[in-house]
Protein backbone atom coordinates (compact mmCIF):
# COMPACT_ATOMS: atom_id res chain seq x y z
CA MET A 1 108.74 89.07 89.98
CA SER A 2 109.34 87.70 93.33
CA VAL A 3 108.96 84.09 94.38
CA ARG A 4 107.82 83.23 90.88
CA ALA A 5 110.56 80.67 90.43
CA THR A 6 108.80 78.48 92.96
CA ALA A 7 105.35 79.98 92.71
CA PRO A 8 104.71 81.09 89.12
CA LEU A 9 102.70 84.18 88.45
CA ILE A 10 99.05 83.19 88.32
CA LEU A 11 96.41 85.49 86.96
CA THR A 12 93.57 84.87 89.37
CA LEU A 13 90.95 87.42 88.44
CA PHE A 14 90.19 90.03 85.81
CA LEU A 15 87.81 92.80 86.63
CA ALA A 16 86.47 92.48 83.14
CA LEU A 17 82.92 93.53 83.89
CA MET A 18 83.96 97.16 84.16
CA PRO A 19 82.64 99.21 81.23
CA ARG A 20 85.24 100.02 78.63
CA PRO A 21 86.20 103.71 78.71
CA ALA A 22 84.94 105.88 75.88
CA LEU A 23 87.51 106.26 73.12
CA SER A 24 89.27 109.59 72.66
CA ALA A 25 92.19 110.61 70.50
CA PRO A 26 95.71 110.18 71.85
CA ASP A 27 97.66 113.22 72.93
CA GLU A 28 99.68 113.81 69.77
CA ALA A 29 102.63 115.48 71.50
CA VAL A 30 102.94 112.67 74.04
CA TYR A 31 102.55 109.99 71.40
CA ALA A 32 105.29 111.54 69.26
CA ALA A 33 107.59 111.84 72.27
CA VAL A 34 107.19 108.21 73.32
CA LYS A 35 107.36 106.87 69.77
CA ALA A 36 110.74 108.61 69.43
CA GLN A 37 111.89 106.54 72.43
CA ASN A 38 111.14 103.19 70.78
CA ASP A 39 114.54 102.50 69.26
CA PRO A 40 116.52 104.02 72.16
CA TYR A 41 114.47 101.83 74.51
CA ARG A 42 115.56 98.73 72.63
CA GLU A 43 119.21 99.80 72.82
CA THR A 44 118.87 100.36 76.56
CA LEU A 45 117.19 96.98 76.98
CA LYS A 46 119.98 95.24 75.08
CA GLY A 47 122.62 96.84 77.28
CA LEU A 48 120.81 95.74 80.45
CA VAL A 49 120.06 92.17 79.34
CA ASP A 50 123.64 91.51 78.25
CA VAL A 51 124.94 91.84 81.82
CA ASP A 52 124.38 89.08 84.40
CA THR A 53 122.47 90.51 87.37
CA GLY A 54 121.17 87.44 89.13
CA THR A 55 120.34 88.22 92.75
CA GLY A 56 123.62 88.33 94.67
CA GLN A 57 125.84 88.56 91.57
CA VAL A 58 127.57 91.67 92.85
CA PRO A 59 129.93 92.38 89.90
CA GLY A 60 127.11 92.47 87.36
CA LEU A 61 124.76 94.28 89.70
CA GLY A 62 127.46 96.88 90.28
CA LYS A 63 128.01 97.36 86.56
CA VAL A 64 124.32 97.90 85.90
CA GLU A 65 124.01 100.10 88.99
CA ALA A 66 126.72 102.40 87.60
CA THR A 67 124.91 102.56 84.27
CA LEU A 68 121.61 103.38 85.94
CA ARG A 69 123.17 106.05 88.13
CA GLY A 70 124.70 107.72 85.09
CA ARG A 71 121.46 107.58 83.15
CA LEU A 72 119.42 108.99 86.02
CA GLU A 73 121.87 111.81 86.67
CA ALA A 74 121.81 112.69 82.96
CA LEU A 75 118.01 112.89 83.23
CA GLY A 76 118.28 115.44 86.04
CA PHE A 77 117.99 113.26 89.15
CA SER A 78 119.95 113.36 92.37
CA VAL A 79 120.90 109.74 93.08
CA GLU A 80 121.65 108.00 96.35
CA ALA A 81 122.87 104.40 96.68
CA ARG A 82 121.52 102.64 99.76
CA PRO A 83 123.11 99.25 100.56
CA ALA A 84 120.98 96.11 100.41
CA PRO A 85 123.36 94.04 102.54
CA ALA A 86 121.41 90.81 102.86
CA LEU A 87 122.26 89.63 99.35
CA GLY A 88 124.51 92.35 97.95
CA GLY A 89 124.06 95.32 95.68
CA ASN A 90 122.57 98.74 96.26
CA THR A 91 119.11 100.20 96.06
CA LEU A 92 119.20 103.38 93.99
CA VAL A 93 116.88 106.14 95.17
CA ALA A 94 116.76 109.02 92.70
CA THR A 95 114.76 112.20 93.16
CA LYS A 96 113.90 115.08 90.88
CA PRO A 97 111.94 118.15 92.01
CA GLY A 98 109.22 119.68 89.88
CA LYS A 99 106.93 122.69 90.03
CA GLY A 100 103.77 120.92 91.21
CA GLN A 101 102.58 119.39 94.47
CA ARG A 102 102.12 115.68 93.90
CA ARG A 103 104.74 113.13 94.87
CA ILE A 104 105.13 110.28 92.37
CA MET A 105 107.34 107.21 92.75
CA MET A 106 108.43 104.78 90.02
CA LEU A 107 109.64 101.38 91.22
CA VAL A 108 111.23 98.28 89.69
CA HIS A 109 114.07 95.83 90.37
CA TYR A 110 117.17 95.22 88.28
CA ASP A 111 118.11 91.74 89.51
CA THR A 112 117.04 88.54 87.76
CA VAL A 113 116.73 84.86 88.62
CA PHE A 114 119.37 83.76 86.13
CA GLY A 115 122.83 82.34 86.71
CA GLU A 116 126.32 83.62 86.07
CA GLY A 117 127.16 83.30 82.38
CA ASP A 118 123.57 83.15 81.13
CA ALA A 119 123.85 86.57 79.48
CA ALA A 120 126.78 85.35 77.39
CA LYS A 121 124.97 82.13 76.49
CA ARG A 122 121.70 83.84 75.60
CA PRO A 123 122.41 87.48 74.74
CA TYR A 124 119.70 89.92 73.78
CA THR A 125 118.09 88.95 70.50
CA GLU A 126 115.03 90.02 68.55
CA ARG A 127 112.99 87.74 66.33
CA ASP A 128 109.39 87.53 65.18
CA GLY A 129 108.36 90.66 67.05
CA ARG A 130 109.80 89.55 70.38
CA ALA A 131 112.94 90.26 72.36
CA TYR A 132 114.68 87.44 74.24
CA GLY A 133 117.38 87.20 76.89
CA PRO A 134 117.78 86.74 80.66
CA GLY A 135 115.38 89.05 82.45
CA VAL A 136 114.32 90.77 79.25
CA ALA A 137 110.81 91.36 80.59
CA ASP A 138 111.19 90.57 84.29
CA ALA A 139 112.21 93.18 84.93
CA LYS A 140 114.84 94.80 82.73
CA GLY A 141 112.06 95.75 80.38
CA GLY A 142 110.57 97.64 83.32
CA VAL A 143 113.88 99.35 84.11
CA ALA A 144 114.10 100.56 80.52
CA MET A 145 110.45 101.63 80.69
CA VAL A 146 111.17 103.88 83.66
CA LEU A 147 114.24 105.45 82.05
CA HIS A 148 112.50 106.17 78.77
CA THR A 149 109.29 107.39 80.37
CA VAL A 150 111.39 110.01 82.15
CA ALA A 151 113.20 110.75 78.90
CA ALA A 152 109.82 111.34 77.21
CA LEU A 153 108.73 113.63 80.05
CA ASN A 154 111.96 115.59 79.64
CA ALA A 155 111.40 115.87 75.89
CA LEU A 156 107.95 117.27 76.63
CA HIS A 157 109.46 119.72 79.18
CA PHE A 158 107.05 118.34 81.75
CA ASP A 159 107.76 119.08 85.39
CA GLY A 160 104.27 119.31 86.84
CA TYR A 161 104.95 116.84 89.65
CA GLY A 162 106.13 117.97 93.06
CA THR A 163 108.79 115.26 93.27
CA LEU A 164 109.49 112.41 90.90
CA THR A 165 111.28 109.54 92.65
CA VAL A 166 112.77 106.46 90.99
CA VAL A 167 113.68 103.36 93.04
CA PHE A 168 115.72 100.55 91.47
CA ASN A 169 116.39 97.62 93.87
CA PRO A 170 118.77 94.66 93.45
CA ASP A 171 117.16 91.81 95.39
CA GLU A 172 113.47 91.49 94.49
CA GLU A 173 113.79 87.97 93.12
CA ARG A 174 114.70 86.73 96.60
CA GLY A 175 111.98 88.64 98.43
CA SER A 176 113.77 92.04 98.68
CA PRO A 177 115.28 91.33 102.12
CA GLY A 178 117.73 94.22 101.88
CA SER A 179 115.50 96.74 100.11
CA ARG A 180 111.99 96.20 101.46
CA ALA A 181 112.42 98.66 104.31
CA GLU A 182 113.72 101.33 101.94
CA ILE A 183 110.81 100.77 99.56
CA GLY A 184 108.33 101.24 102.39
CA LYS A 185 110.19 104.27 103.71
CA VAL A 186 110.32 106.03 100.34
CA ALA A 187 106.71 105.10 99.51
CA ARG A 188 105.41 106.66 102.73
CA GLY A 189 103.98 110.06 101.90
CA GLN A 190 103.93 109.45 98.15
CA ASP A 191 100.69 110.23 96.36
CA VAL A 192 101.18 107.64 93.62
CA VAL A 193 103.47 104.61 93.21
CA LEU A 194 103.88 103.14 89.72
CA SER A 195 105.54 99.71 89.70
CA PHE A 196 107.02 98.33 86.50
CA GLU A 197 106.87 94.55 86.68
CA PRO A 198 105.90 93.14 83.26
CA SER A 199 102.37 92.49 82.09
CA PHE A 200 100.94 89.20 80.82
CA ASP A 201 101.04 88.31 77.15
CA GLU A 202 100.45 84.63 77.91
CA ALA A 203 97.06 85.41 79.43
CA GLY A 204 95.89 86.73 76.07
CA VAL A 205 95.11 90.19 77.41
CA ASP A 206 96.77 93.52 78.12
CA ALA A 207 96.53 94.37 81.81
CA VAL A 208 97.83 96.28 84.78
CA THR A 209 97.54 94.99 88.32
CA VAL A 210 95.42 96.53 91.08
CA ALA A 211 95.88 93.84 93.75
CA THR A 212 98.52 91.21 94.49
CA LYS A 213 98.47 88.40 96.98
CA GLY A 214 100.80 88.31 99.92
CA ILE A 215 102.98 85.27 100.54
CA ASN A 216 103.55 83.50 103.85
CA TYR A 217 105.51 80.34 104.57
CA ALA A 218 103.92 77.69 106.78
CA SER A 219 105.91 75.11 108.72
CA LEU A 220 104.61 72.13 110.65
CA THR A 221 106.91 70.10 112.87
CA VAL A 222 106.24 66.97 114.90
CA LYS A 223 108.46 65.47 117.58
CA GLY A 224 107.76 61.84 118.45
CA ARG A 225 109.79 58.97 119.86
CA ALA A 226 111.99 56.52 118.00
CA SER A 227 111.84 52.76 118.51
CA HIS A 228 112.44 49.53 116.61
CA ALA A 229 109.65 49.14 114.06
CA GLY A 230 109.65 45.36 114.37
CA GLY A 231 110.80 44.68 117.93
CA ALA A 232 109.04 47.42 119.91
CA PRO A 233 106.78 49.57 117.73
CA GLU A 234 104.48 50.25 120.69
CA ALA A 235 107.33 52.06 122.46
CA GLY A 236 107.58 54.59 119.65
CA ARG A 237 105.53 57.65 118.83
CA ASN A 238 105.28 57.86 115.06
CA ALA A 239 105.92 61.45 113.92
CA VAL A 240 105.12 60.64 110.29
CA VAL A 241 101.66 59.34 111.14
CA GLU A 242 101.02 62.41 113.28
CA ILE A 243 102.14 64.85 110.62
CA ALA A 244 99.93 63.14 108.06
CA HIS A 245 97.02 63.53 110.46
CA GLN A 246 97.83 67.20 111.00
CA ILE A 247 98.13 67.95 107.29
CA LEU A 248 94.68 66.48 106.71
CA GLN A 249 93.29 68.53 109.58
CA LEU A 250 94.86 71.72 108.27
CA GLN A 251 94.02 71.34 104.59
CA ASP A 252 90.85 73.47 104.76
CA LEU A 253 92.41 76.61 106.25
CA GLY A 254 92.06 78.48 102.97
CA ASP A 255 89.10 80.71 102.16
CA ALA A 256 88.20 80.81 98.49
CA ASP A 257 85.84 83.74 98.92
CA LYS A 258 88.71 85.86 100.26
CA GLY A 259 91.29 84.45 97.87
CA THR A 260 93.22 82.73 100.66
CA SER A 261 95.03 79.46 100.05
CA LEU A 262 97.36 77.23 102.06
CA HIS A 263 99.01 74.37 100.22
CA TRP A 264 101.40 71.88 101.80
CA THR A 265 104.26 71.43 99.37
CA THR A 266 107.07 69.46 101.08
CA VAL A 267 107.11 66.69 103.71
CA GLN A 268 110.10 65.04 105.39
CA GLY A 269 110.21 62.33 108.03
CA GLY A 270 112.01 59.22 109.13
CA THR A 271 115.52 57.90 108.63
CA LYS A 272 115.32 54.13 108.07
CA PRO A 273 112.54 51.67 107.19
CA ASN A 274 112.96 49.75 110.46
CA ILE A 275 112.81 52.73 112.84
CA ILE A 276 109.63 54.40 114.05
CA PRO A 277 110.33 58.03 113.09
CA ASP A 278 110.78 60.51 115.91
CA ALA A 279 110.61 63.67 113.76
CA ALA A 280 108.75 64.96 110.75
CA LYS A 281 108.42 68.32 109.05
CA ALA A 282 106.15 69.82 106.41
CA GLU A 283 106.29 73.18 104.65
CA GLY A 284 103.55 75.06 102.88
CA ASP A 285 102.74 78.12 100.80
CA MET A 286 100.06 80.59 101.89
CA ARG A 287 98.65 83.26 99.53
CA TYR A 288 96.18 85.91 100.59
CA PHE A 289 94.65 89.25 99.57
CA VAL A 290 93.19 90.26 102.96
CA PRO A 291 95.89 91.25 105.50
CA SER A 292 93.91 89.95 108.50
CA GLU A 293 94.02 86.44 107.06
CA TYR A 294 97.52 85.98 108.47
CA ASP A 295 96.21 86.24 112.03
CA ARG A 296 93.16 84.08 111.32
CA VAL A 297 95.12 81.24 109.75
CA LEU A 298 97.77 81.28 112.47
CA ALA A 299 95.21 81.24 115.29
CA GLN A 300 93.00 78.55 113.76
CA ALA A 301 95.94 76.33 112.88
CA ARG A 302 97.33 76.45 116.40
CA THR A 303 93.95 75.47 117.77
CA ILE A 304 93.54 72.62 115.29
CA ILE A 305 96.94 71.04 115.99
CA GLU A 306 95.98 70.45 119.60
CA ARG A 307 93.97 67.44 118.35
CA HIS A 308 96.50 64.61 118.03
CA ARG A 309 96.14 61.16 116.54
CA VAL A 310 99.39 59.85 118.03
CA PRO A 311 99.56 60.51 121.78
CA ASP A 312 102.63 61.98 123.45
CA THR A 313 103.78 63.82 120.33
CA GLU A 314 104.69 67.49 120.19
CA VAL A 315 103.30 69.51 117.28
CA ARG A 316 104.23 73.04 116.30
CA PHE A 317 102.78 75.28 113.55
CA ASP A 318 104.52 78.48 112.45
CA LEU A 319 103.66 81.02 109.79
CA ALA A 320 106.53 83.20 108.61
CA LYS A 321 105.61 86.41 106.90
CA GLY A 322 106.90 86.86 103.40
CA ARG A 323 105.89 89.50 100.90
CA PRO A 324 102.76 91.40 102.02
CA PRO A 325 99.72 91.78 99.80
CA LEU A 326 98.72 94.82 97.84
CA PRO A 327 95.08 94.57 98.93
CA ARG A 328 92.07 95.84 97.05
CA ASN A 329 91.61 99.52 97.81
CA PRO A 330 89.66 102.42 96.28
CA ALA A 331 92.69 104.62 95.56
CA THR A 332 94.33 101.95 93.43
CA GLN A 333 91.06 101.14 91.69
CA ASP A 334 90.68 104.81 90.77
CA LEU A 335 94.22 104.93 89.44
CA GLY A 336 93.52 101.78 87.45
CA ALA A 337 90.41 103.37 85.95
CA ARG A 338 92.52 106.34 84.91
CA ALA A 339 95.03 103.98 83.27
CA ARG A 340 92.20 102.30 81.33
CA ALA A 341 91.02 105.66 80.06
CA ILE A 342 94.54 106.55 78.93
CA TYR A 343 94.94 103.25 77.08
CA ALA A 344 91.58 103.79 75.43
CA GLU A 345 93.08 106.89 73.81
CA LEU A 346 95.14 104.44 71.74
CA GLY A 347 92.04 102.41 70.88
CA ALA A 348 93.16 99.61 73.20
CA ASP A 349 91.39 97.89 76.09
CA LEU A 350 93.34 97.60 79.32
CA LYS A 351 92.15 95.11 81.93
CA LEU A 352 92.62 95.49 85.67
CA ALA A 353 94.03 92.30 87.14
CA GLU A 354 94.45 90.71 90.54
CA ILE A 355 97.34 88.26 90.66
CA GLY A 356 98.53 85.44 92.89
CA GLY A 357 102.26 86.26 92.77
CA GLY A 358 103.63 88.83 95.21
CA THR A 359 105.59 91.92 94.13
CA ASP A 360 107.33 94.89 95.72
CA ALA A 361 104.08 96.82 95.38
CA GLY A 362 103.10 95.13 98.63
CA TYR A 363 105.99 96.83 100.45
CA ALA A 364 104.93 100.20 99.03
CA PHE A 365 101.39 99.83 100.39
CA GLN A 366 100.83 101.71 103.66
CA PRO A 367 98.12 99.90 105.67
CA ASP A 368 98.03 102.67 108.27
CA SER A 369 97.46 105.38 105.66
CA PRO A 370 94.32 104.49 103.67
CA GLY A 371 94.24 105.90 100.17
CA LYS A 372 97.85 107.05 100.05
CA PRO A 373 99.70 106.14 98.02
CA ALA A 374 97.61 104.83 95.17
CA ILE A 375 99.63 101.95 93.68
CA LEU A 376 99.50 100.45 90.22
CA GLU A 377 101.52 97.37 89.27
CA SER A 378 102.53 95.69 85.98
CA LEU A 379 103.30 98.87 84.05
CA GLY A 380 106.36 97.32 82.46
CA ILE A 381 106.62 95.77 79.04
CA VAL A 382 104.21 93.05 77.93
CA GLY A 383 105.92 89.68 78.02
CA GLY A 384 105.72 86.08 79.11
CA ARG A 385 107.41 82.82 80.19
CA TYR A 386 109.07 84.63 83.07
CA HIS A 387 112.00 82.93 84.82
CA SER A 388 112.55 80.56 81.89
CA ALA A 389 115.11 80.38 79.13
CA ASP A 390 112.30 81.36 76.74
CA GLU A 391 111.31 84.56 78.58
CA PHE A 392 110.27 87.20 76.05
CA ALA A 393 109.14 90.79 75.67
CA VAL A 394 106.68 91.95 73.02
CA LEU A 395 108.32 94.71 70.99
CA ALA A 396 105.02 96.12 69.76
CA SER A 397 104.09 96.95 73.34
CA ILE A 398 106.96 99.41 73.86
CA THR A 399 105.28 102.52 72.49
CA PRO A 400 101.81 101.89 74.01
CA ARG A 401 103.35 101.13 77.41
CA LEU A 402 105.55 104.23 77.27
CA TYR A 403 102.48 106.26 76.38
CA LEU A 404 100.57 104.79 79.30
CA ALA A 405 103.33 105.47 81.84
CA THR A 406 104.05 108.96 80.56
CA ARG A 407 100.40 110.00 80.56
CA LEU A 408 99.90 108.46 84.00
CA VAL A 409 102.69 110.60 85.46
CA MET A 410 101.21 113.68 83.81
CA GLU A 411 97.66 112.93 84.93
CA ALA A 412 98.69 112.04 88.47
CA SER A 413 100.71 115.25 88.67
CA LYS A 414 97.72 117.46 87.98
CA ALA A 415 95.35 115.59 90.28
CA ASP A 416 95.76 118.44 92.78
CA GLY A 417 93.79 120.69 90.48
CA THR A 418 96.51 122.22 88.33
CA LYS A 419 95.64 122.43 84.66
CA ASP A 420 99.02 121.81 83.14
CA GLY A 421 102.42 120.61 84.15
CA THR A 422 104.43 121.76 81.17
CA LYS A 423 106.83 124.67 81.28
């Protein structure tokens, strides 16, 4: 889950006022097929967790890539490796044709935030109903979920989709610099994108995500003039005083009603106690749901910084785009409602969440193509304590989550009006 090492995943809103779907019995054939995947899923997860795949760790990424390619080819996919040169590793794009019309994409990353040797120090273990190990939930649990959802579909002889596409990328934990373009390219024209980041056990609920905030990086720089702080302070232009003034001026750029925030998180300035500082710099974190907020914040900030406290200083504000938001949209809400109805077949309540941490779902969103694709995030395993040595996955969630993903593919496949997608 990207940028969560420095900006932990925050559950900002549950759409809990939606009526709970009426209960209906689970599809017995689907439930049997996914239940049969439970133990194989755990074996797959163990094999993935026990290999170091921190972003940029090319040997481990290559080993897992080879495993994933072999598994996908065995499941009937044609697989292409597309280089992600910024940090190393390849993005796997696998496609499988069906007999229907709808194009469905399954997306998740196989890199982690953990260091070389962590897999040997903390190999995959199970205890007290949980699995532990580096990246066990974020997002190797999601990788295994994709593989075993497809395995369940194969066991059911389901091929009612037009094309089923799987994308595994190796650099999500550093913002997907080498794979973001491929994700957007493959997502264009898809009818549905299912993203398999983990869900949120620590929040005390079972949820999928219908909106994620985008992430931008703010920088504020001030150029002043150095002078002796005791002998000639009046000859200086204090950059630290000016940057403090600017931070105070800029602190209200957020908009709570829109879910926009801008927090200044680092400040640097000065070299020695007896020198008026001639330079200062601050950095900040911006989160937002509404895409137009980038332009608003940038324009307002650049107007505000024209008001100086220290004369003859130069002030610059920049806003670098990071991961884009997955904004609220009707197509995703409808897909979320369908997911809730599927989960209700198991007698379980599934919440629809909006989260503050960005994911690759934002790259899949097509702002110039409203309603297509519909995107649903957090379809991976239920887990918690992401990016920590105590990260865990809830073993009891394997079968329900496999059922949800399998039924979603089947339901999305027949959304064009076909009655059945089985052979």
